[in-house]
Amino acid sequence: MNSLFKALNDETRREILEMLKKKDLTAGEIADHFNITKPSISHHLDLLKQAGLVEASKQGQFIYYSLNTSVVDEILKWFMQFKSK
């Protein structure tokens, strides 16, 4: 859970998740959206993968990143347990 909150604690990573909510993207496509270096984007993607929020799949010479909705569902369930009845 700590890696999850660490991943969500950064605005850039949250923006990446918003982008991936719409469609799967390559690291280059994600990097084009930001004014930071490609190695920095790779670092953000790595932290998102470690937290289980993002999955990567190789297609030819490209790696496509997608939102891992099962982890998002688990997060929502975890938060919902704190909702008062």
Protein backbone atom coordinates (compact mmCIF):
# COMPACT_ATOMS: atom_id res chain seq x y z
CA MET A 1 0.00 0.00 0.00
CA ASN A 2 2.93 2.36 0.67
CA SER A 3 4.18 2.12 -2.92
CA LEU A 4 0.66 2.83 -4.10
CA PHE A 5 0.37 6.04 -2.11
CA LYS A 6 3.89 7.06 -3.11
CA ALA A 7 2.91 6.63 -6.76
CA LEU A 8 -0.26 8.67 -6.32
CA ASN A 9 1.55 11.41 -4.41
CA ASP A 10 2.96 12.99 -7.58
CA GLU A 11 0.97 15.22 -9.96
CA THR A 12 2.83 13.96 -13.04
CA ARG A 13 2.01 10.35 -12.20
CA ARG A 14 -1.63 11.24 -11.60
CA GLU A 15 -1.72 12.95 -15.00
CA ILE A 16 -0.21 9.84 -16.60
CA LEU A 17 -2.98 7.75 -15.04
CA GLU A 18 -5.58 10.17 -16.42
CA MET A 19 -4.05 9.80 -19.89
CA LEU A 20 -4.03 6.01 -19.65
CA LYS A 21 -7.66 6.06 -18.58
CA LYS A 22 -8.48 7.15 -22.14
CA LYS A 23 -6.23 4.73 -24.05
CA ASP A 24 -3.01 2.71 -23.95
CA LEU A 25 0.07 4.78 -24.81
CA THR A 26 3.78 4.34 -25.44
CA ALA A 27 6.36 6.06 -23.23
CA GLY A 28 7.11 8.43 -26.12
CA GLU A 29 3.46 9.41 -26.47
CA ILE A 30 3.29 10.04 -22.74
CA ALA A 31 6.54 12.03 -22.76
CA ASP A 32 5.25 14.25 -25.58
CA HIS A 33 2.54 15.49 -23.21
CA PHE A 34 5.04 16.76 -20.61
CA ASN A 35 7.89 19.24 -20.54
CA ILE A 36 10.27 16.87 -18.74
CA THR A 37 12.94 14.46 -19.93
CA LYS A 38 12.16 10.99 -21.24
CA PRO A 39 14.26 9.37 -18.49
CA SER A 40 12.07 11.19 -15.94
CA ILE A 41 8.94 9.82 -17.63
CA SER A 42 10.47 6.34 -17.51
CA HIS A 43 11.08 6.77 -13.78
CA HIS A 44 7.45 7.83 -13.24
CA LEU A 45 6.22 4.85 -15.28
CA ASP A 46 8.46 2.51 -13.29
CA LEU A 47 7.00 3.74 -9.99
CA LEU A 48 3.48 3.31 -11.37
CA LYS A 49 4.34 -0.24 -12.45
CA GLN A 50 5.85 -1.05 -9.04
CA ALA A 51 2.62 0.13 -7.40
CA GLY A 52 0.63 -2.10 -9.76
CA LEU A 53 -1.28 0.83 -11.23
CA VAL A 54 0.15 0.41 -14.73
CA GLU A 55 0.92 -2.60 -16.88
CA ALA A 56 3.36 -2.71 -19.80
CA SER A 57 3.13 -4.90 -22.89
CA LYS A 58 5.63 -5.04 -25.73
CA GLN A 59 4.20 -4.76 -29.23
CA GLY A 60 6.92 -4.87 -31.84
CA GLN A 61 9.56 -2.32 -30.92
CA PHE A 62 7.21 -0.35 -28.66
CA ILE A 63 6.09 -0.86 -25.09
CA TYR A 64 2.49 0.14 -24.48
CA TYR A 65 1.37 1.20 -21.03
CA SER A 66 -2.16 0.63 -19.78
CA LEU A 67 -4.10 1.31 -16.62
CA ASN A 68 -4.43 -1.73 -14.35
CA THR A 69 -8.09 -1.42 -13.46
CA SER A 70 -8.06 -4.38 -11.06
CA VAL A 71 -5.72 -2.48 -8.73
CA VAL A 72 -7.90 0.61 -9.04
CA ASP A 73 -10.89 -1.52 -8.01
CA GLU A 74 -8.94 -2.79 -4.98
CA ILE A 75 -8.07 0.79 -3.97
CA LEU A 76 -11.71 1.81 -4.18
CA LYS A 77 -12.77 -1.17 -2.04
CA TRP A 78 -10.12 -0.26 0.52
CA PHE A 79 -11.32 3.37 0.67
CA MET A 80 -14.97 2.34 0.85
CA GLN A 81 -14.39 0.42 4.06
CA PHE A 82 -13.92 3.78 5.79
CA LYS A 83 -17.23 5.15 4.62
CA SER A 84 -19.64 5.53 7.50
CA LYS A 85 -23.03 3.88 7.21
